[in-house]
Amino acid sequence: MVGVEQRSGRRTQAVQTYAGHSVHAAPGVHEYAVELARAALPDGGRVLEVGAGCGALAVRLREAGFDVVPTDLDPPHDWIHRLDLDDPQWTDQTRGPFDMVVCVETLEHVENPRQVLRSIRSLLRPGDKLLVSTPNVTHPHSRLKMFLRGAPFIFGPRHYHEPGHITILPDWMLTEHVRLAGFGDIQVTRGGDTFYTGLTRAAYRVEMALLALLGLRRRAQHGEGICTFVTAVAV
């Protein structure tokens, strides 16, 4: 019997909006991404955003003074350019030059993150910047999920097809991919919060307290650290 292929890659469910655009990322992720972009380019610059979703982060980056070219696999607006990271067809608008490429909560959706990072590096000049993020699978909550059910937080059968989380990237693997793609001065930080509210949020806090007693403490520079952020410089 031949199985029916399911479609992967639908967007993460939106839990909030910003300036009229749905936010398809964990709370606090976009805010921290803008903070890191400002630190990397304090005078602003031209930014290529890959995996723009519904455009909320692009709007935030523009408000922060950046000249943003947003792209997405399935653009919901005509001002977002179409780009398939697994088979990129660069255009005059997306080829650059850029001072930074921002790839927030996107690499977990692609089939070959190493190739994606190499493609991104090909757009940049030495000294240009990279900002990427992906779910933090070393977070204590994620490690407990892995122990109990064999998949980290927001990964597994339920998340494979929707929203299409197909690639798990622990910190060490992501940083090695970035280094081998041609980047240096690699910095790893953690930011963003869970989606939990109400009783689930209360249970999560109890869980985190118990895990801390066991020595599994979260390490975060922003929020709860549910996502891993990597900044790097093209060499």
Protein backbone atom coordinates (compact mmCIF):
# COMPACT_ATOMS: atom_id res chain seq x y z
CA MET A 1 0.00 0.00 0.00
CA VAL A 2 1.41 3.37 -1.03
CA GLY A 3 1.26 6.04 1.68
CA VAL A 4 -0.11 9.49 0.99
CA GLU A 5 2.52 12.18 1.29
CA GLN A 6 1.63 14.93 3.73
CA ARG A 7 2.54 18.51 3.05
CA SER A 8 5.25 19.89 5.33
CA GLY A 9 6.22 23.44 6.05
CA ARG A 10 3.06 25.15 7.21
CA ARG A 11 3.65 28.12 9.45
CA THR A 12 3.87 27.92 13.21
CA GLN A 13 0.53 28.91 14.70
CA ALA A 14 0.39 32.66 15.32
CA VAL A 15 -0.18 33.57 18.96
CA GLN A 16 0.19 37.33 18.63
CA THR A 17 0.48 40.11 16.10
CA TYR A 18 2.75 43.10 15.55
CA ALA A 19 1.71 46.14 13.50
CA GLY A 20 -1.05 44.06 11.94
CA HIS A 21 1.21 41.14 10.98
CA SER A 22 0.98 37.69 12.54
CA VAL A 23 3.99 36.60 14.59
CA HIS A 24 5.03 33.01 13.84
CA ALA A 25 7.74 32.70 16.48
CA ALA A 26 7.96 32.20 20.21
CA PRO A 27 7.27 35.29 22.35
CA GLY A 28 10.33 37.51 22.71
CA VAL A 29 12.22 36.00 19.78
CA HIS A 30 11.70 38.91 17.39
CA GLU A 31 12.51 41.48 20.06
CA TYR A 32 15.78 39.74 20.89
CA ALA A 33 16.65 39.35 17.20
CA VAL A 34 16.30 43.11 16.70
CA GLU A 35 18.46 43.70 19.79
CA LEU A 36 21.20 41.47 18.38
CA ALA A 37 20.96 43.07 14.93
CA ARG A 38 21.37 46.52 16.45
CA ALA A 39 24.42 45.33 18.40
CA ALA A 40 25.98 43.88 15.24
CA LEU A 41 25.16 46.90 13.04
CA PRO A 42 24.81 49.92 15.35
CA ASP A 43 24.70 52.31 12.37
CA GLY A 44 22.07 50.28 10.51
CA GLY A 45 22.58 48.73 7.09
CA ARG A 46 21.04 46.57 4.38
CA VAL A 47 19.60 43.29 5.63
CA LEU A 48 18.34 40.19 3.84
CA GLU A 49 15.77 38.39 5.95
CA VAL A 50 15.18 34.76 4.98
CA GLY A 51 12.12 33.01 6.34
CA ALA A 52 10.17 36.24 6.81
CA GLY A 53 6.85 34.54 7.57
CA CYS A 54 4.10 37.17 7.60
CA GLY A 55 6.53 40.08 7.81
CA ALA A 56 6.38 40.99 11.51
CA LEU A 57 10.15 40.79 12.03
CA ALA A 58 10.82 42.69 8.81
CA VAL A 59 8.62 45.52 10.10
CA ARG A 60 10.49 45.55 13.42
CA LEU A 61 13.85 45.66 11.65
CA ARG A 62 12.70 48.52 9.43
CA GLU A 63 11.50 50.43 12.47
CA ALA A 64 14.98 49.89 13.95
CA GLY A 65 16.52 51.67 10.97
CA PHE A 66 17.50 48.77 8.71
CA ASP A 67 16.91 48.57 4.94
CA VAL A 68 15.28 45.12 4.83
CA VAL A 69 14.70 42.77 1.90
CA PRO A 70 12.36 40.07 3.29
CA THR A 71 12.00 36.63 1.67
CA ASP A 72 9.91 33.54 2.34
CA LEU A 73 9.08 30.19 0.75
CA ASP A 74 5.40 31.12 0.55
CA PRO A 75 5.17 34.94 0.72
CA PRO A 76 1.83 36.20 2.04
CA HIS A 77 2.47 39.75 0.74
CA ASP A 78 3.77 41.07 -2.57
CA TRP A 79 6.52 43.03 -0.78
CA ILE A 80 8.04 39.76 0.48
CA HIS A 81 10.15 38.04 -2.17
CA ARG A 82 9.82 34.31 -2.81
CA LEU A 83 12.90 32.26 -1.91
CA ASP A 84 13.26 28.50 -1.49
CA LEU A 85 16.30 28.05 0.73
CA ASP A 86 16.66 24.39 -0.23
CA ASP A 87 16.94 25.46 -3.90
CA PRO A 88 17.69 29.20 -3.92
CA GLN A 89 17.17 31.12 -7.13
CA TRP A 90 18.77 34.46 -6.38
CA THR A 91 17.37 37.56 -8.09
CA ASP A 92 18.64 41.12 -8.42
CA GLN A 93 16.66 41.99 -5.28
CA THR A 94 17.89 39.07 -3.17
CA ARG A 95 21.48 38.73 -4.39
CA GLY A 96 22.81 41.69 -2.44
CA PRO A 97 25.13 43.12 -1.42
CA PHE A 98 23.93 42.95 2.19
CA ASP A 99 25.51 43.98 5.45
CA MET A 100 23.71 41.18 7.30
CA VAL A 101 21.56 38.13 6.68
CA VAL A 102 18.92 37.39 9.33
CA CYS A 103 17.60 33.83 9.47
CA VAL A 104 15.34 33.56 12.52
CA GLU A 105 13.53 30.30 13.35
CA THR A 106 14.01 28.98 9.81
CA LEU A 107 16.89 26.46 9.68
CA GLU A 108 14.79 23.83 11.48
CA HIS A 109 12.48 23.91 8.42
CA VAL A 110 15.12 23.25 5.75
CA GLU A 111 16.46 19.93 4.48
CA ASN A 112 20.13 20.89 4.33
CA PRO A 113 21.07 23.65 6.79
CA ARG A 114 24.78 23.40 5.92
CA GLN A 115 24.04 24.14 2.27
CA VAL A 116 21.73 26.99 3.25
CA LEU A 117 24.48 28.57 5.35
CA ARG A 118 26.97 28.20 2.49
CA SER A 119 24.48 29.88 0.14
CA ILE A 120 24.06 32.72 2.62
CA ARG A 121 27.83 33.09 2.92
CA SER A 122 28.11 33.42 -0.87
CA LEU A 123 26.03 36.61 -0.68
CA LEU A 124 28.22 38.29 1.92
CA ARG A 125 31.51 40.13 1.81
CA PRO A 126 34.22 39.57 4.42
CA GLY A 127 33.15 41.42 7.54
CA ASP A 128 29.42 41.19 6.82
CA LYS A 129 27.25 39.68 9.54
CA LEU A 130 25.02 36.67 10.10
CA LEU A 131 22.22 36.20 12.64
CA VAL A 132 20.47 32.84 12.89
CA SER A 133 18.23 31.21 15.47
CA THR A 134 16.60 27.83 15.99
CA PRO A 135 14.76 26.07 18.85
CA ASN A 136 17.08 25.45 21.80
CA VAL A 137 17.03 21.67 22.17
CA THR A 138 19.43 21.88 25.14
CA HIS A 139 16.95 23.87 27.23
CA PRO A 140 16.01 21.83 30.36
CA HIS A 141 12.36 21.65 29.30
CA SER A 142 13.39 20.39 25.87
CA ARG A 143 15.77 17.84 27.39
CA LEU A 144 12.96 16.50 29.59
CA LYS A 145 10.68 16.22 26.55
CA MET A 146 13.43 14.29 24.77
CA PHE A 147 13.80 11.91 27.72
CA LEU A 148 10.06 11.29 28.10
CA ARG A 149 8.91 11.07 24.48
CA GLY A 150 12.02 10.89 22.31
CA ALA A 151 11.71 14.37 20.77
CA PRO A 152 12.66 17.85 22.01
CA PHE A 153 10.22 20.69 22.61
CA ILE A 154 8.28 21.61 19.40
CA PHE A 155 9.76 18.64 17.51
CA GLY A 156 8.36 15.17 16.91
CA PRO A 157 5.56 13.60 14.80
CA ARG A 158 3.05 16.35 15.58
CA HIS A 159 5.45 19.10 14.51
CA TYR A 160 7.06 17.34 11.54
CA HIS A 161 4.41 18.31 9.00
CA GLU A 162 2.97 21.33 10.74
CA PRO A 163 4.85 23.64 11.10
CA GLY A 164 7.50 21.52 9.36
CA HIS A 165 10.20 21.20 12.01
CA ILE A 166 12.35 18.60 10.26
CA THR A 167 15.91 19.46 11.35
CA ILE A 168 17.15 19.39 14.94
CA LEU A 169 20.21 21.58 15.53
CA PRO A 170 21.87 21.48 18.97
CA ASP A 171 24.18 24.38 19.77
CA TRP A 172 27.42 22.59 18.93
CA MET A 173 26.12 21.41 15.54
CA LEU A 174 24.75 24.80 14.54
CA THR A 175 27.97 26.60 15.44
CA GLU A 176 30.03 24.01 13.53
CA HIS A 177 27.79 24.42 10.47
CA VAL A 178 28.27 28.19 10.70
CA ARG A 179 32.06 27.88 11.06
CA LEU A 180 32.42 25.50 8.12
CA ALA A 181 30.24 27.75 5.97
CA GLY A 182 32.90 30.46 6.23
CA PHE A 183 32.14 32.49 9.34
CA GLY A 184 34.18 33.46 12.38
CA ASP A 185 33.74 35.41 15.61
CA ILE A 186 30.82 33.10 16.43
CA GLN A 187 28.74 34.04 19.48
CA VAL A 188 25.99 31.87 20.98
CA THR A 189 23.22 33.30 23.13
CA ARG A 190 19.71 32.20 24.10
CA GLY A 191 16.41 34.06 24.16
CA GLY A 192 12.66 33.80 23.75
CA ASP A 193 9.86 32.38 25.88
CA THR A 194 7.46 29.45 25.70
CA PHE A 195 3.89 29.80 24.42
CA TYR A 196 2.47 28.46 27.69
CA THR A 197 -0.31 30.30 29.53
CA GLY A 198 -2.65 29.61 32.47
CA LEU A 199 -2.39 26.27 34.22
CA THR A 200 0.13 25.00 31.67
CA ARG A 201 2.35 27.96 32.48
CA ALA A 202 2.08 27.24 36.21
CA ALA A 203 2.97 23.58 35.66
CA TYR A 204 5.92 24.63 33.51
CA ARG A 205 7.26 26.84 36.31
CA VAL A 206 7.03 23.98 38.79
CA GLU A 207 8.81 21.72 36.32
CA MET A 208 11.62 24.23 35.82
CA ALA A 209 12.07 24.60 39.58
CA LEU A 210 12.36 20.83 39.99
CA LEU A 211 14.80 20.55 37.09
CA ALA A 212 16.89 23.32 38.64
CA LEU A 213 17.09 21.31 41.87
CA LEU A 214 18.46 18.45 39.77
CA GLY A 215 21.12 20.75 38.35
CA LEU A 216 19.47 21.39 34.97
CA ARG A 217 19.35 25.15 34.95
CA ARG A 218 18.37 27.27 31.98
CA ARG A 219 21.00 29.66 30.70
CA ALA A 220 19.53 32.65 28.92
CA GLN A 221 20.52 36.17 27.94
CA HIS A 222 16.92 37.13 27.15
CA GLY A 223 13.68 35.66 28.50
CA GLU A 224 13.62 31.93 29.13
CA GLY A 225 16.14 31.03 26.44
CA ILE A 226 13.83 28.72 24.54
CA CYS A 227 15.68 29.50 21.27
CA THR A 228 19.38 29.48 20.40
CA PHE A 229 20.81 32.53 18.60
CA VAL A 230 24.11 32.59 16.74
CA THR A 231 25.79 35.73 15.47
CA ALA A 232 28.89 35.51 13.27
CA VAL A 233 31.08 37.46 10.85
CA ALA A 234 31.89 36.39 7.28
CA VAL A 235 35.61 35.66 6.81
